[in-house]
Protein backbone atom coordinates (compact mmCIF):
# COMPACT_ATOMS: atom_id res chain seq x y z
CA MET A 1 -20.29 -19.84 -30.03
CA THR A 2 -17.04 -18.62 -31.58
CA ALA A 3 -14.09 -18.61 -29.17
CA ARG A 4 -12.74 -15.20 -28.25
CA HIS A 5 -8.99 -14.91 -28.51
CA VAL A 6 -6.61 -12.44 -26.98
CA GLN A 7 -5.86 -9.68 -29.49
CA VAL A 8 -2.11 -9.51 -30.10
CA GLN A 9 -1.23 -6.09 -31.49
CA LEU A 10 1.42 -3.42 -31.74
CA ASP A 11 0.69 0.02 -30.35
CA ASN A 12 2.71 3.07 -31.35
CA ARG A 13 1.76 4.93 -28.17
CA THR A 14 3.38 2.30 -25.98
CA ARG A 15 6.36 2.04 -28.33
CA LEU A 16 6.81 5.81 -28.05
CA VAL A 17 6.80 5.77 -24.24
CA SER A 18 9.21 2.82 -24.35
CA ALA A 19 11.59 4.83 -26.54
CA VAL A 20 11.41 7.82 -24.18
CA LEU A 21 12.03 5.46 -21.27
CA ALA A 22 15.18 4.28 -23.05
CA ALA A 23 16.62 7.82 -22.77
CA THR A 24 16.04 8.03 -18.98
CA THR A 25 18.05 6.39 -16.21
CA TYR A 26 15.57 3.51 -16.15
CA PRO A 27 17.74 1.06 -18.15
CA GLU A 28 20.68 1.39 -15.73
CA LYS A 29 18.46 1.14 -12.65
CA SER A 30 16.72 -1.96 -13.99
CA GLN A 31 20.15 -3.58 -14.34
CA ASP A 32 20.97 -2.56 -10.77
CA ARG A 33 17.85 -4.39 -9.59
CA GLN A 34 18.80 -7.53 -11.50
CA LYS A 35 21.47 -7.98 -14.12
CA HIS A 36 19.89 -9.24 -17.32
CA GLY A 37 20.41 -9.28 -21.06
CA THR A 38 18.15 -7.13 -23.20
CA HIS A 39 16.66 -7.48 -26.66
CA LEU A 40 18.79 -6.17 -29.53
CA HIS A 41 16.01 -3.74 -30.45
CA ALA A 42 15.96 -2.29 -26.93
CA ARG A 43 19.73 -1.76 -26.93
CA SER A 44 19.65 -0.22 -30.39
CA THR A 45 16.77 2.07 -29.48
CA ARG A 46 18.70 3.30 -26.46
CA LYS A 47 21.66 4.17 -28.69
CA LEU A 48 19.33 6.02 -31.05
CA VAL A 49 17.66 8.20 -28.41
CA LEU A 50 20.45 8.85 -25.89
CA GLU A 51 21.43 12.08 -27.64
CA TYR A 52 17.93 13.34 -26.80
CA ALA A 53 18.28 12.68 -23.08
CA HIS A 54 17.69 16.39 -22.36
CA HIS A 55 14.50 16.56 -24.42
CA PRO A 56 11.48 17.87 -22.44
CA ALA A 57 9.62 14.58 -22.96
CA VAL A 58 12.51 12.66 -21.40
CA HIS A 59 12.94 15.15 -18.57
CA ALA A 60 9.23 14.90 -17.72
CA LEU A 61 9.32 11.10 -17.68
CA GLN A 62 12.44 11.14 -15.51
CA VAL A 63 10.64 13.35 -12.99
CA LEU A 64 7.74 10.90 -12.90
CA LEU A 65 10.11 7.97 -12.37
CA ASP A 66 11.91 9.84 -9.58
CA LYS A 67 8.52 10.40 -7.93
CA ASN A 68 7.83 6.65 -8.18
CA VAL A 69 4.82 7.06 -10.47
CA ALA A 70 3.94 3.53 -11.55
CA LEU A 71 4.69 2.45 -15.10
CA ASN A 72 1.16 1.13 -15.51
CA SER A 73 -0.13 4.65 -14.83
CA ILE A 74 2.37 6.17 -17.28
CA PHE A 75 1.61 3.73 -20.09
CA GLY A 76 -2.09 3.91 -19.27
CA TYR A 77 -2.01 7.68 -19.81
CA ALA A 78 -0.36 7.22 -23.21
CA LEU A 79 -3.00 4.65 -24.22
CA ARG A 80 -5.70 7.26 -23.59
CA LEU A 81 -4.18 9.60 -26.17
CA SER A 82 -5.13 9.54 -29.84
CA TRP A 83 -2.60 8.45 -32.45
CA PRO A 84 -0.80 10.12 -34.13
CA GLU A 85 -2.16 13.41 -32.77
CA LEU A 86 -1.45 12.44 -29.13
CA THR A 87 -4.38 14.47 -27.91
CA GLY A 88 -6.89 13.48 -25.27
CA ASP A 89 -9.19 14.53 -22.48
CA GLU A 90 -8.07 16.42 -19.39
CA PRO A 91 -5.05 14.47 -18.08
CA PRO A 92 -4.58 13.33 -14.47
CA ARG A 93 -2.98 15.91 -12.17
CA TRP A 94 0.29 13.98 -12.01
CA VAL A 95 0.90 14.35 -15.76
CA PRO A 96 3.47 17.10 -16.50
CA PRO A 97 2.14 20.14 -18.41
CA ARG A 98 2.09 19.69 -22.21
CA TRP A 99 3.71 16.27 -21.93
CA ASN A 100 1.62 14.95 -24.80
CA GLU A 101 3.00 17.75 -27.02
CA HIS A 102 6.55 16.95 -25.93
CA LEU A 103 6.00 13.27 -26.66
CA LYS A 104 4.82 14.12 -30.16
CA HIS A 105 7.87 16.28 -30.77
CA PHE A 106 10.18 13.54 -29.45
CA TYR A 107 8.57 11.10 -31.88
CA GLU A 108 9.17 13.45 -34.78
CA VAL A 109 12.68 14.67 -33.96
CA THR A 110 14.07 11.19 -33.25
CA GLY A 111 12.72 9.71 -36.49
CA LEU A 112 10.98 6.87 -34.67
CA ALA A 113 8.60 6.19 -37.57
CA THR A 114 11.55 5.35 -39.81
CA TRP A 115 13.27 3.44 -37.02
CA TRP A 116 10.25 1.24 -36.36
CA ALA A 117 9.87 0.58 -40.09
CA ASP A 118 13.51 -0.51 -40.25
CA GLU A 119 12.97 -2.80 -37.25
CA ASP A 120 9.55 -4.06 -38.33
CA GLU A 121 10.65 -7.65 -38.86
CA GLN A 122 11.58 -8.01 -35.19
CA TRP A 123 8.24 -6.56 -34.08
CA GLN A 124 6.26 -8.73 -36.49
CA THR A 125 8.08 -11.83 -35.31
CA ALA A 126 7.03 -11.03 -31.76
CA VAL A 127 3.40 -10.56 -32.86
CA GLN A 128 3.47 -13.83 -34.80
CA HIS A 129 4.91 -15.84 -31.91
CA LEU A 130 2.42 -14.52 -29.36
CA THR A 131 -0.51 -14.95 -31.75
CA GLU A 132 0.38 -18.60 -32.32
CA ILE A 133 0.72 -19.21 -28.58
CA PHE A 134 -2.56 -17.61 -27.53
CA GLU A 135 -4.67 -18.98 -30.39
CA LYS A 136 -4.32 -22.36 -28.68
CA VAL A 137 -6.11 -21.34 -25.48
CA ASP A 138 -9.24 -19.45 -24.44
CA LEU A 139 -8.41 -17.05 -21.63
CA TYR A 140 -11.90 -15.54 -21.76
CA VAL A 141 -13.60 -18.80 -20.79
CA PHE A 142 -11.08 -19.43 -18.02
CA LEU A 143 -11.29 -15.94 -16.51
CA GLU A 144 -15.09 -15.86 -16.68
CA LYS A 145 -15.19 -18.83 -14.30
CA PHE A 146 -13.95 -16.49 -11.58
CA PHE A 147 -14.97 -12.99 -12.65
CA GLY A 148 -18.27 -13.59 -14.41
CA ALA A 149 -19.08 -12.30 -17.90
CA LEU A 150 -16.06 -10.49 -19.31
CA PRO A 151 -17.11 -7.58 -21.55
CA GLU A 152 -13.58 -6.24 -21.76
CA THR A 153 -11.28 -6.91 -24.71
CA LEU A 154 -8.01 -8.62 -23.79
CA ALA A 155 -5.16 -6.96 -25.70
CA LEU A 156 -1.64 -8.36 -25.63
CA VAL A 157 1.11 -5.96 -26.68
CA PRO A 158 4.63 -7.37 -27.23
CA ASN A 159 7.36 -5.08 -25.91
CA ILE A 160 10.89 -5.71 -27.15
CA SER A 161 11.96 -2.26 -25.92
CA TYR A 162 11.70 -0.91 -22.35
CA PRO A 163 10.86 -1.89 -19.67
CA THR A 164 12.78 -5.10 -20.24
CA ASP A 165 12.25 -6.40 -16.70
CA LEU A 166 8.57 -5.74 -15.97
CA ASN A 167 5.16 -6.67 -17.30
CA VAL A 168 2.78 -3.70 -17.45
CA GLY A 169 -0.98 -3.95 -17.12
CA CYS A 170 -3.40 -1.12 -17.98
CA ARG A 171 -7.18 -0.83 -18.03
CA VAL A 172 -8.21 1.75 -20.62
CA GLY A 173 -11.89 2.03 -21.38
CA GLY A 174 -13.14 -1.42 -22.24
CA VAL A 175 -9.69 -2.87 -22.93
CA LEU A 176 -7.32 -4.71 -20.61
CA TYR A 177 -3.78 -4.23 -21.94
CA ALA A 178 -0.89 -6.55 -21.09
CA LEU A 179 2.47 -5.14 -22.22
CA MET A 180 4.87 -8.06 -22.15
CA PRO A 181 8.65 -8.20 -22.61
CA PRO A 182 10.18 -11.52 -23.67
CA ARG A 183 11.38 -13.86 -20.94
CA LYS A 184 14.75 -12.96 -19.44
CA ALA A 185 17.54 -15.47 -19.98
CA TRP A 186 20.47 -16.24 -17.71
CA GLY A 187 23.02 -13.54 -16.93
CA ASP A 188 23.85 -11.27 -19.85
CA SER A 189 22.27 -13.52 -22.48
CA ALA A 190 19.62 -12.04 -24.75
CA PRO A 191 16.03 -12.79 -23.71
CA TRP A 192 14.31 -15.87 -25.05
CA PRO A 193 12.04 -15.55 -28.11
CA TYR A 194 8.40 -15.42 -27.09
CA ASP A 195 7.68 -18.87 -28.52
CA ASN A 196 10.52 -20.52 -26.60
CA ASP A 197 8.38 -21.12 -23.50
CA PRO A 198 4.61 -20.76 -24.07
CA MET A 199 3.83 -21.95 -20.52
CA TYR A 200 5.79 -19.03 -19.10
CA MET A 201 3.88 -16.59 -21.28
CA TYR A 202 0.55 -18.09 -20.15
CA GLN A 203 1.59 -17.60 -16.52
CA GLU A 204 2.75 -14.02 -16.91
CA VAL A 205 -0.14 -12.84 -19.07
CA LEU A 206 -2.65 -14.37 -16.65
CA ARG A 207 -0.94 -12.53 -13.79
CA VAL A 208 -1.39 -9.21 -15.57
CA TYR A 209 -5.05 -9.73 -16.47
CA GLU A 210 -5.97 -11.15 -13.09
CA ASP A 211 -4.25 -8.26 -11.30
CA LEU A 212 -6.45 -5.86 -13.27
CA LEU A 213 -9.62 -7.87 -12.72
CA LEU A 214 -8.95 -8.33 -9.01
CA ALA A 215 -8.44 -4.58 -8.66
CA SER A 216 -11.90 -4.05 -10.16
CA MET A 217 -13.37 -6.74 -7.91
CA THR A 218 -11.79 -5.08 -4.89
CA ARG A 219 -13.47 -1.79 -5.73
CA GLN A 220 -16.83 -3.35 -6.55
CA TYR A 221 -16.95 -5.51 -3.42
CA ALA A 222 -15.14 -3.13 -1.07
CA ASP A 223 -17.52 -3.81 1.83
CA THR A 224 -17.13 -7.59 1.62
CA ILE A 225 -13.37 -7.42 1.35
CA GLY A 226 -13.11 -4.75 4.05
CA SER A 227 -14.89 -7.06 6.50
CA LEU A 228 -12.22 -9.72 5.89
CA ASN A 229 -9.18 -7.51 6.48
CA ASP A 230 -9.16 -8.12 10.24
CA LYS A 231 -9.16 -11.91 9.76
CA PRO A 232 -5.54 -12.92 9.12
CA LEU A 233 -4.94 -15.59 6.52
CA PRO A 234 -3.16 -18.75 7.76
CA LEU A 235 0.17 -18.16 6.06
CA GLY A 236 3.79 -18.79 6.96
CA PRO A 237 6.27 -16.13 8.14
CA LYS A 238 8.31 -16.21 4.91
CA PHE A 239 5.21 -15.39 2.87
CA LEU A 240 3.94 -12.77 5.30
CA GLU A 241 7.28 -11.02 5.27
CA ARG A 242 6.94 -10.50 1.51
CA HIS A 243 3.22 -9.70 1.54
CA THR A 244 2.21 -7.56 4.50
CA HIS A 245 -1.29 -6.47 3.41
CA TRP A 246 -4.34 -8.73 3.37
CA ILE A 247 -5.39 -7.93 -0.19
CA ASP A 248 -1.87 -8.59 -1.47
CA GLN A 249 -1.81 -11.91 0.39
CA PHE A 250 -5.15 -12.97 -1.04
CA SER A 251 -4.29 -11.81 -4.58
CA THR A 252 -1.00 -13.70 -4.54
CA LEU A 253 -2.69 -16.91 -3.35
CA PHE A 254 -5.56 -16.59 -5.80
CA ILE A 255 -3.40 -15.86 -8.84
CA ALA A 256 -0.95 -18.67 -8.09
CA ALA A 257 -3.74 -21.21 -7.60
CA SER A 258 -5.66 -20.11 -10.70
CA ILE A 259 -2.50 -20.29 -12.83
CA ALA A 260 -1.93 -23.84 -11.57
CA LEU A 261 -5.48 -24.76 -12.60
CA PHE A 262 -5.03 -23.18 -16.03
CA LEU A 263 -1.74 -25.00 -16.63
CA GLU A 264 -3.38 -28.23 -15.51
CA GLU A 265 -5.80 -27.89 -18.42
CA VAL A 266 -2.94 -27.29 -20.87
CA ASP A 267 -0.19 -29.57 -19.51
CA PRO A 268 -0.52 -31.24 -16.06
CA ARG A 269 3.25 -31.70 -15.80
CA GLU A 270 3.77 -27.95 -16.13
CA SER A 271 1.17 -27.37 -13.44
CA LYS A 272 2.96 -29.68 -11.00
CA ALA A 273 6.29 -27.99 -11.71
CA PHE A 274 4.72 -24.57 -11.19
CA ILE A 275 3.22 -25.61 -7.85
CA GLN A 276 6.56 -26.93 -6.63
CA ILE A 277 8.33 -23.70 -7.56
CA GLN A 278 5.67 -21.57 -5.85
CA GLN A 279 5.96 -23.63 -2.68
CA ARG A 280 9.74 -23.72 -2.60
CA VAL A 281 10.69 -20.29 -3.92
CA GLU A 282 7.68 -18.11 -3.10
CA GLY A 283 6.90 -19.76 0.23
CA ILE A 284 3.28 -20.66 -0.60
CA ALA A 285 3.27 -23.94 1.29
CA ILE A 286 -0.52 -23.95 1.45
CA LEU A 287 -0.95 -23.71 -2.34
CA PRO A 288 -2.35 -27.25 -2.94
CA GLY A 289 -5.09 -26.49 -0.42
CA VAL A 290 -5.88 -23.20 -2.15
CA ILE A 291 -6.13 -25.01 -5.48
CA ASN A 292 -8.61 -27.48 -3.98
CA LEU A 293 -10.73 -24.59 -2.70
CA LEU A 294 -10.80 -23.07 -6.20
CA ARG A 295 -11.88 -26.44 -7.58
CA ARG A 296 -14.68 -26.55 -4.99
CA TYR A 297 -15.73 -23.07 -5.99
CA GLN A 298 -15.86 -24.08 -9.67
CA ASP A 299 -18.07 -27.06 -8.83
CA GLU A 300 -20.43 -24.96 -6.75
CA ARG A 301 -20.53 -22.26 -9.42
CA LYS A 302 -21.57 -24.86 -12.01
CA ALA A 303 -24.34 -25.88 -9.62
CA GLY A 304 -25.56 -22.27 -9.61
CA LYS A 305 -24.52 -21.38 -6.07
CA TYR A 306 -22.22 -18.50 -7.06
CA ALA A 307 -22.05 -16.12 -10.02
CA ASN A 308 -18.43 -15.13 -9.42
CA PHE A 309 -15.59 -15.60 -6.97
CA ALA A 310 -16.39 -12.44 -4.99
CA GLU A 311 -19.57 -14.11 -3.72
CA TYR A 312 -17.52 -17.11 -2.58
CA LEU A 313 -14.79 -15.05 -0.94
CA PRO A 314 -16.07 -15.18 2.70
CA ASN A 315 -16.30 -18.98 2.47
CA PHE A 316 -12.88 -19.12 0.82
CA THR A 317 -11.16 -17.41 3.75
CA LYS A 318 -13.06 -19.55 6.29
CA ASN A 319 -12.28 -22.80 4.47
CA LEU A 320 -8.65 -21.80 4.02
CA ARG A 321 -8.24 -21.84 7.80
CA LEU A 322 -9.72 -25.34 7.88
CA VAL A 323 -7.27 -26.43 5.18
CA LYS A 324 -4.40 -25.08 7.28
CA THR A 325 -5.71 -26.84 10.40
CA PHE A 326 -6.04 -30.22 8.70
CA ALA A 327 -2.63 -29.85 7.10
CA THR A 328 -0.98 -29.51 10.52
CA LEU A 329 -2.79 -32.45 12.16
């Protein structure tokens, strides 16, 4: 069977929203959260569009940001529009009236088509780097171990514009989109090229896809997961302070442990380093035990006991308490 690879691609709809985002207050606020250098293309795009800060498309996006509408919802809406017409079905109620029309006008009046053509080499370099990185691994096979058959297409969209500080995941139809900025460097330095640290990109892309897949699993197995909510997970105070809800606690544990297993297949030294960082910085002291439980699940799945991780989930939470007990003896 031919291996399925992540599809690395540019998308003008996401580039358009990124350019509109550059004309809002988002760039300053992202620096307030954490000072970081940005890609030359992002800085140049901001200079290009700042004179259109009062455009209706920008005003509408600013209102959404002020209302704390999530970026994955905003980009997800754009990905449901046609290109270049920017038309679509009835939008969600939170979408400002005629925003798609305003986005189209912003695209035309700012000359973004010409701008992207002028900057094409930087975009193509990003595509090339990510393609080379993800041709070396099979994320489909790895994810199917936990989520069963994966009919969705995995699309990876490089983003050298805004947001510069966040990964964005969107499920649109049968496609899981991961919009990924390059890795931030120290202080005011420009971000690293995508191919500078492939292991980092594997980690971050897996986080995005697994977040989307876990959200679907949560909806599909709501009864099973709901019955576990009143059974606290055996976690330390530092971790619980950061993650107050059960599903967030579980998701964080699961994603960290699965990333460690994936890295172990690619480079065991990177996996060990990742585990140490997660224990020390993120406060996941129990992570080695979680990894062992995921290994046990994989063995039992191969033996035909489970079709996916959701079926194993009640045993996972029970066994996790045993892991914690033995660790403290």
